[in-house]
Amino acid sequence: MVPSIWLRWLSQGTVFSLLVDETGKEYDVTVSKIGARVDPVSQTVKITGEVDTAGEFILPGMSGYASFSVPAQ
């Protein structure tokens, strides 16, 4: 989930970093899908990303932190 205001600059193909707690490693991830609905209460939109490194040991449900390079407004 990301703030809906990010739709000004976020698009499919945007690359961001993901630090996974369980592996202790940082991975490059590419936005592959942007949700079609903005949550009216939280003003967020769901995004989906694909890990760029094939064969890495990342499982659904693992936790971590995503870091985006937000352009200057």
PDB file of N, CA and C in Angstrom:
ATOM      1  N   MET A   1       0.840  -1.170   0.000  1.00  0.00           N
ATOM      2  CA  MET A   1       0.000   0.000   0.000  1.00  0.00           C
ATOM      3  C   MET A   1       0.892   1.242   0.000  1.00  0.00           C
ATOM      4  N   VAL A   2       0.581   2.157  -0.890  1.00  0.00           N
ATOM      5  CA  VAL A   2       1.321   3.412  -0.959  1.00  0.00           C
ATOM      6  C   VAL A   2       0.328   4.576  -0.976  1.00  0.00           C
ATOM      7  N   PRO A   3       0.768   5.769  -0.589  1.00  0.00           N
ATOM      8  CA  PRO A   3      -0.131   6.920  -0.626  1.00  0.00           C
ATOM      9  C   PRO A   3      -0.627   7.177  -2.053  1.00  0.00           C
ATOM     10  N   SER A   4      -1.904   7.478  -2.186  1.00  0.00           N
ATOM     11  CA  SER A   4      -2.477   7.683  -3.520  1.00  0.00           C
ATOM     12  C   SER A   4      -1.870   8.889  -4.229  1.00  0.00           C
ATOM     13  N   ILE A   5      -1.325   9.849  -3.497  1.00  0.00           N
ATOM     14  CA  ILE A   5      -0.700  11.014  -4.127  1.00  0.00           C
ATOM     15  C   ILE A   5       0.523  10.594  -4.952  1.00  0.00           C
ATOM     16  N   TRP A   6       1.082   9.434  -4.629  1.00  0.00           N
ATOM     17  CA  TRP A   6       2.219   8.921  -5.389  1.00  0.00           C
ATOM     18  C   TRP A   6       1.838   8.551  -6.815  1.00  0.00           C
ATOM     19  N   LEU A   7       0.553   8.447  -7.111  1.00  0.00           N
ATOM     20  CA  LEU A   7       0.131   8.124  -8.474  1.00  0.00           C
ATOM     21  C   LEU A   7       0.559   9.206  -9.462  1.00  0.00           C
ATOM     22  N   ARG A   8       0.981  10.357  -8.952  1.00  0.00           N
ATOM     23  CA  ARG A   8       1.507  11.423  -9.814  1.00  0.00           C
ATOM     24  C   ARG A   8       2.790  10.987 -10.520  1.00  0.00           C
ATOM     25  N   TRP A   9       3.584  10.132  -9.856  1.00  0.00           N
ATOM     26  CA  TRP A   9       4.876   9.751 -10.416  1.00  0.00           C
ATOM     27  C   TRP A   9       5.105   8.243 -10.473  1.00  0.00           C
ATOM     28  N   LEU A  10       4.382   7.473  -9.683  1.00  0.00           N
ATOM     29  CA  LEU A  10       4.574   6.025  -9.641  1.00  0.00           C
ATOM     30  C   LEU A  10       3.913   5.369 -10.859  1.00  0.00           C
ATOM     31  N   SER A  11       4.614   4.460 -11.490  1.00  0.00           N
ATOM     32  CA  SER A  11       4.054   3.758 -12.650  1.00  0.00           C
ATOM     33  C   SER A  11       4.623   2.351 -12.715  1.00  0.00           C
ATOM     34  N   GLN A  12       4.020   1.528 -13.566  1.00  0.00           N
ATOM     35  CA  GLN A  12       4.576   0.197 -13.780  1.00  0.00           C
ATOM     36  C   GLN A  12       6.000   0.372 -14.285  1.00  0.00           C
ATOM     37  N   GLY A  13       6.896  -0.430 -13.752  1.00  0.00           N
ATOM     38  CA  GLY A  13       8.297  -0.337 -14.139  1.00  0.00           C
ATOM     39  C   GLY A  13       9.149   0.451 -13.157  1.00  0.00           C
ATOM     40  N   THR A  14       8.509   1.177 -12.228  1.00  0.00           N
ATOM     41  CA  THR A  14       9.267   1.889 -11.199  1.00  0.00           C
ATOM     42  C   THR A  14      10.005   0.873 -10.328  1.00  0.00           C
ATOM     43  N   VAL A  15      11.275   1.128 -10.059  1.00  0.00           N
ATOM     44  CA  VAL A  15      12.092   0.220  -9.249  1.00  0.00           C
ATOM     45  C   VAL A  15      12.213   0.784  -7.835  1.00  0.00           C
ATOM     46  N   PHE A  16      12.079  -0.109  -6.848  1.00  0.00           N
ATOM     47  CA  PHE A  16      12.272   0.279  -5.454  1.00  0.00           C
ATOM     48  C   PHE A  16      13.050  -0.814  -4.738  1.00  0.00           C
ATOM     49  N   SER A  17      13.509  -0.526  -3.524  1.00  0.00           N
ATOM     50  CA  SER A  17      14.293  -1.484  -2.734  1.00  0.00           C
ATOM     51  C   SER A  17      13.413  -2.114  -1.667  1.00  0.00           C
ATOM     52  N   LEU A  18      13.646  -3.378  -1.408  1.00  0.00           N
ATOM     53  CA  LEU A  18      12.922  -4.115  -0.378  1.00  0.00           C
ATOM     54  C   LEU A  18      13.931  -4.788   0.538  1.00  0.00           C
ATOM     55  N   LEU A  19      13.904  -4.425   1.819  1.00  0.00           N
ATOM     56  CA  LEU A  19      14.752  -5.061   2.824  1.00  0.00           C
ATOM     57  C   LEU A  19      13.897  -6.082   3.559  1.00  0.00           C
ATOM     58  N   VAL A  20      14.227  -7.363   3.402  1.00  0.00           N
ATOM     59  CA  VAL A  20      13.440  -8.445   3.992  1.00  0.00           C
ATOM     60  C   VAL A  20      14.040  -8.825   5.340  1.00  0.00           C
ATOM     61  N   ASP A  21      13.206  -8.747   6.390  1.00  0.00           N
ATOM     62  CA  ASP A  21      13.678  -9.029   7.752  1.00  0.00           C
ATOM     63  C   ASP A  21      14.244 -10.440   7.880  1.00  0.00           C
ATOM     64  N   GLU A  22      13.552 -11.414   7.327  1.00  0.00           N
ATOM     65  CA  GLU A  22      13.938 -12.819   7.521  1.00  0.00           C
ATOM     66  C   GLU A  22      15.261 -13.186   6.858  1.00  0.00           C
ATOM     67  N   THR A  23      15.594 -12.535   5.740  1.00  0.00           N
ATOM     68  CA  THR A  23      16.851 -12.859   5.052  1.00  0.00           C
ATOM     69  C   THR A  23      17.960 -11.867   5.387  1.00  0.00           C
ATOM     70  N   GLY A  24      17.562 -10.663   5.844  1.00  0.00           N
ATOM     71  CA  GLY A  24      18.544  -9.621   6.121  1.00  0.00           C
ATOM     72  C   GLY A  24      19.142  -9.023   4.866  1.00  0.00           C
ATOM     73  N   LYS A  25      18.549  -9.322   3.711  1.00  0.00           N
ATOM     74  CA  LYS A  25      19.074  -8.834   2.439  1.00  0.00           C
ATOM     75  C   LYS A  25      18.138  -7.792   1.831  1.00  0.00           C
ATOM     76  N   GLU A  26      18.726  -6.982   0.967  1.00  0.00           N
ATOM     77  CA  GLU A  26      17.973  -5.965   0.237  1.00  0.00           C
ATOM     78  C   GLU A  26      17.848  -6.408  -1.223  1.00  0.00           C
ATOM     79  N   TYR A  27      16.663  -6.258  -1.778  1.00  0.00           N
ATOM     80  CA  TYR A  27      16.374  -6.696  -3.138  1.00  0.00           C
ATOM     81  C   TYR A  27      15.807  -5.548  -3.955  1.00  0.00           C
ATOM     82  N   ASP A  28      16.128  -5.524  -5.244  1.00  0.00           N
ATOM     83  CA  ASP A  28      15.495  -4.587  -6.163  1.00  0.00           C
ATOM     84  C   ASP A  28      14.177  -5.195  -6.609  1.00  0.00           C
ATOM     85  N   VAL A  29      13.127  -4.394  -6.602  1.00  0.00           N
ATOM     86  CA  VAL A  29      11.789  -4.836  -6.971  1.00  0.00           C
ATOM     87  C   VAL A  29      11.239  -3.860  -8.001  1.00  0.00           C
ATOM     88  N   THR A  30      10.537  -4.379  -8.997  1.00  0.00           N
ATOM     89  CA  THR A  30       9.916  -3.556 -10.024  1.00  0.00           C
ATOM     90  C   THR A  30       8.405  -3.594  -9.862  1.00  0.00           C
ATOM     91  N   VAL A  31       7.763  -2.419  -9.869  1.00  0.00           N
ATOM     92  CA  VAL A  31       6.305  -2.352  -9.782  1.00  0.00           C
ATOM     93  C   VAL A  31       5.722  -3.013 -11.026  1.00  0.00           C
ATOM     94  N   SER A  32       4.910  -4.047 -10.812  1.00  0.00           N
ATOM     95  CA  SER A  32       4.324  -4.771 -11.941  1.00  0.00           C
ATOM     96  C   SER A  32       2.834  -4.489 -12.114  1.00  0.00           C
ATOM     97  N   LYS A  33       2.194  -3.993 -11.040  1.00  0.00           N
ATOM     98  CA  LYS A  33       0.756  -3.736 -11.116  1.00  0.00           C
ATOM     99  C   LYS A  33       0.386  -2.654 -10.102  1.00  0.00           C
ATOM    100  N   ILE A  34      -0.490  -1.773 -10.522  1.00  0.00           N
ATOM    101  CA  ILE A  34      -1.019  -0.740  -9.627  1.00  0.00           C
ATOM    102  C   ILE A  34      -2.519  -0.956  -9.535  1.00  0.00           C
ATOM    103  N   GLY A  35      -3.025  -1.039  -8.307  1.00  0.00           N
ATOM    104  CA  GLY A  35      -4.441  -1.284  -8.093  1.00  0.00           C
ATOM    105  C   GLY A  35      -5.322  -0.240  -8.768  1.00  0.00           C
ATOM    106  N   ALA A  36      -6.554  -0.624  -9.058  1.00  0.00           N
ATOM    107  CA  ALA A  36      -7.489   0.245  -9.758  1.00  0.00           C
ATOM    108  C   ALA A  36      -8.374   1.041  -8.797  1.00  0.00           C
ATOM    109  N   ARG A  37      -8.143   0.893  -7.496  1.00  0.00           N
ATOM    110  CA  ARG A  37      -9.022   1.519  -6.509  1.00  0.00           C
ATOM    111  C   ARG A  37      -8.204   2.197  -5.419  1.00  0.00           C
ATOM    112  N   VAL A  38      -8.558   3.444  -5.110  1.00  0.00           N
ATOM    113  CA  VAL A  38      -7.964   4.167  -3.988  1.00  0.00           C
ATOM    114  C   VAL A  38      -8.887   3.981  -2.791  1.00  0.00           C
ATOM    115  N   ASP A  39      -8.309   3.557  -1.668  1.00  0.00           N
ATOM    116  CA  ASP A  39      -9.106   3.419  -0.452  1.00  0.00           C
ATOM    117  C   ASP A  39      -9.525   4.813   0.000  1.00  0.00           C
ATOM    118  N   PRO A  40     -10.842   5.065   0.133  1.00  0.00           N
ATOM    119  CA  PRO A  40     -11.303   6.416   0.459  1.00  0.00           C
ATOM    120  C   PRO A  40     -10.965   6.871   1.875  1.00  0.00           C
ATOM    121  N   VAL A  41     -10.740   5.964   2.789  1.00  0.00           N
ATOM    122  CA  VAL A  41     -10.433   6.344   4.171  1.00  0.00           C
ATOM    123  C   VAL A  41      -8.937   6.608   4.348  1.00  0.00           C
ATOM    124  N   SER A  42      -8.111   5.649   3.939  1.00  0.00           N
ATOM    125  CA  SER A  42      -6.665   5.786   4.150  1.00  0.00           C
ATOM    126  C   SER A  42      -5.952   6.520   3.015  1.00  0.00           C
ATOM    127  N   GLN A  43      -6.652   6.743   1.887  1.00  0.00           N
ATOM    128  CA  GLN A  43      -6.064   7.390   0.710  1.00  0.00           C
ATOM    129  C   GLN A  43      -4.808   6.658   0.244  1.00  0.00           C
ATOM    130  N   THR A  44      -4.908   5.314   0.180  1.00  0.00           N
ATOM    131  CA  THR A  44      -3.800   4.486  -0.288  1.00  0.00           C
ATOM    132  C   THR A  44      -4.255   3.642  -1.466  1.00  0.00           C
ATOM    133  N   VAL A  45      -3.287   3.149  -2.210  1.00  0.00           N
ATOM    134  CA  VAL A  45      -3.549   2.271  -3.338  1.00  0.00           C
ATOM    135  C   VAL A  45      -2.598   1.070  -3.231  1.00  0.00           C
ATOM    136  N   LYS A  46      -3.086  -0.097  -3.599  1.00  0.00           N
ATOM    137  CA  LYS A  46      -2.287  -1.316  -3.526  1.00  0.00           C
ATOM    138  C   LYS A  46      -1.411  -1.433  -4.769  1.00  0.00           C
ATOM    139  N   ILE A  47      -0.153  -1.800  -4.563  1.00  0.00           N
ATOM    140  CA  ILE A  47       0.737  -2.079  -5.676  1.00  0.00           C
ATOM    141  C   ILE A  47       1.291  -3.493  -5.529  1.00  0.00           C
ATOM    142  N   THR A  48       1.710  -4.050  -6.627  1.00  0.00           N
ATOM    143  CA  THR A  48       2.343  -5.367  -6.654  1.00  0.00           C
ATOM    144  C   THR A  48       3.693  -5.212  -7.341  1.00  0.00           C
ATOM    145  N   GLY A  49       4.692  -5.902  -6.809  1.00  0.00           N
ATOM    146  CA  GLY A  49       6.020  -5.819  -7.398  1.00  0.00           C
ATOM    147  C   GLY A  49       6.611  -7.193  -7.632  1.00  0.00           C
ATOM    148  N   GLU A  50       7.589  -7.240  -8.511  1.00  0.00           N
ATOM    149  CA  GLU A  50       8.307  -8.480  -8.813  1.00  0.00           C
ATOM    150  C   GLU A  50       9.770  -8.303  -8.441  1.00  0.00           C
ATOM    151  N   VAL A  51      10.290  -9.273  -7.691  1.00  0.00           N
ATOM    152  CA  VAL A  51      11.700  -9.253  -7.304  1.00  0.00           C
ATOM    153  C   VAL A  51      12.537  -9.489  -8.547  1.00  0.00           C
ATOM    154  N   ASP A  52      13.536  -8.634  -8.759  1.00  0.00           N
ATOM    155  CA  ASP A  52      14.344  -8.703  -9.977  1.00  0.00           C
ATOM    156  C   ASP A  52      15.372  -9.825  -9.958  1.00  0.00           C
ATOM    157  N   THR A  53      15.716 -10.336  -8.775  1.00  0.00           N
ATOM    158  CA  THR A  53      16.719 -11.392  -8.667  1.00  0.00           C
ATOM    159  C   THR A  53      16.026 -12.742  -8.669  1.00  0.00           C
ATOM    160  N   ALA A  54      16.245 -13.514  -9.708  1.00  0.00           N
ATOM    161  CA  ALA A  54      15.597 -14.824  -9.824  1.00  0.00           C
ATOM    162  C   ALA A  54      16.193 -15.816  -8.840  1.00  0.00           C
ATOM    163  N   GLY A  55      15.359 -16.690  -8.314  1.00  0.00           N
ATOM    164  CA  GLY A  55      15.820 -17.782  -7.477  1.00  0.00           C
ATOM    165  C   GLY A  55      16.098 -17.426  -6.033  1.00  0.00           C
ATOM    166  N   GLU A  56      15.807 -16.217  -5.625  1.00  0.00           N
ATOM    167  CA  GLU A  56      16.042 -15.844  -4.234  1.00  0.00           C
ATOM    168  C   GLU A  56      15.007 -16.496  -3.322  1.00  0.00           C
ATOM    169  N   PHE A  57      15.377 -16.705  -2.091  1.00  0.00           N
ATOM    170  CA  PHE A  57      14.529 -17.384  -1.114  1.00  0.00           C
ATOM    171  C   PHE A  57      13.642 -16.370  -0.403  1.00  0.00           C
ATOM    172  N   ILE A  58      12.590 -15.944  -1.073  1.00  0.00           N
ATOM    173  CA  ILE A  58      11.616 -15.030  -0.489  1.00  0.00           C
ATOM    174  C   ILE A  58      10.261 -15.717  -0.563  1.00  0.00           C
ATOM    175  N   LEU A  59       9.587 -15.792   0.569  1.00  0.00           N
ATOM    176  CA  LEU A  59       8.303 -16.482   0.640  1.00  0.00           C
ATOM    177  C   LEU A  59       7.175 -15.505   0.974  1.00  0.00           C
ATOM    178  N   PRO A  60       5.955 -15.812   0.521  1.00  0.00           N
ATOM    179  CA  PRO A  60       4.807 -14.980   0.905  1.00  0.00           C
ATOM    180  C   PRO A  60       4.697 -14.920   2.427  1.00  0.00           C
ATOM    181  N   GLY A  61       4.387 -13.736   2.931  1.00  0.00           N
ATOM    182  CA  GLY A  61       4.225 -13.551   4.370  1.00  0.00           C
ATOM    183  C   GLY A  61       5.454 -13.026   5.074  1.00  0.00           C
ATOM    184  N   MET A  62       6.601 -13.025   4.403  1.00  0.00           N
ATOM    185  CA  MET A  62       7.794 -12.448   5.013  1.00  0.00           C
ATOM    186  C   MET A  62       7.585 -10.946   5.169  1.00  0.00           C
ATOM    187  N   SER A  63       8.263 -10.355   6.139  1.00  0.00           N
ATOM    188  CA  SER A  63       8.073  -8.932   6.406  1.00  0.00           C
ATOM    189  C   SER A  63       9.332  -8.156   6.058  1.00  0.00           C
ATOM    190  N   GLY A  64       9.168  -6.843   5.950  1.00  0.00           N
ATOM    191  CA  GLY A  64      10.308  -6.001   5.650  1.00  0.00           C
ATOM    192  C   GLY A  64       9.884  -4.581   5.385  1.00  0.00           C
ATOM    193  N   TYR A  65      10.797  -3.829   4.773  1.00  0.00           N
ATOM    194  CA  TYR A  65      10.588  -2.415   4.514  1.00  0.00           C
ATOM    195  C   TYR A  65      10.872  -2.112   3.050  1.00  0.00           C
ATOM    196  N   ALA A  66       9.990  -1.333   2.451  1.00  0.00           N
ATOM    197  CA  ALA A  66      10.181  -0.888   1.077  1.00  0.00           C
ATOM    198  C   ALA A  66      10.677   0.549   1.098  1.00  0.00           C
ATOM    199  N   SER A  67      11.624   0.849   0.204  1.00  0.00           N
ATOM    200  CA  SER A  67      12.165   2.201   0.089  1.00  0.00           C
ATOM    201  C   SER A  67      12.023   2.683  -1.350  1.00  0.00           C
ATOM    202  N   PHE A  68      11.389   3.844  -1.504  1.00  0.00           N
ATOM    203  CA  PHE A  68      11.184   4.438  -2.817  1.00  0.00           C
ATOM    204  C   PHE A  68      11.969   5.729  -2.910  1.00  0.00           C
ATOM    205  N   SER A  69      12.466   6.037  -4.100  1.00  0.00           N
ATOM    206  CA  SER A  69      13.085   7.346  -4.364  1.00  0.00           C
ATOM    207  C   SER A  69      11.970   8.250  -4.876  1.00  0.00           C
ATOM    208  N   VAL A  70      11.455   9.081  -3.980  1.00  0.00           N
ATOM    209  CA  VAL A  70      10.345   9.964  -4.329  1.00  0.00           C
ATOM    210  C   VAL A  70      10.914  11.220  -4.981  1.00  0.00           C
ATOM    211  N   PRO A  71      10.475  11.522  -6.215  1.00  0.00           N
ATOM    212  CA  PRO A  71      10.998  12.720  -6.875  1.00  0.00           C
ATOM    213  C   PRO A  71      10.536  13.999  -6.176  1.00  0.00           C
ATOM    214  N   ALA A  72      11.341  15.040  -6.306  1.00  0.00           N
ATOM    215  CA  ALA A  72      10.985  16.340  -5.722  1.00  0.00           C
ATOM    216  C   ALA A  72       9.733  16.870  -6.410  1.00  0.00           C
ATOM    217  N   GLN A  73       8.849  17.455  -5.633  1.00  0.00           N
ATOM    218  CA  GLN A  73       7.590  17.966  -6.185  1.00  0.00           C
ATOM    219  C   GLN A  73       7.791  19.310  -6.765  1.00  0.00           C
TER     220      GLN A  73
END
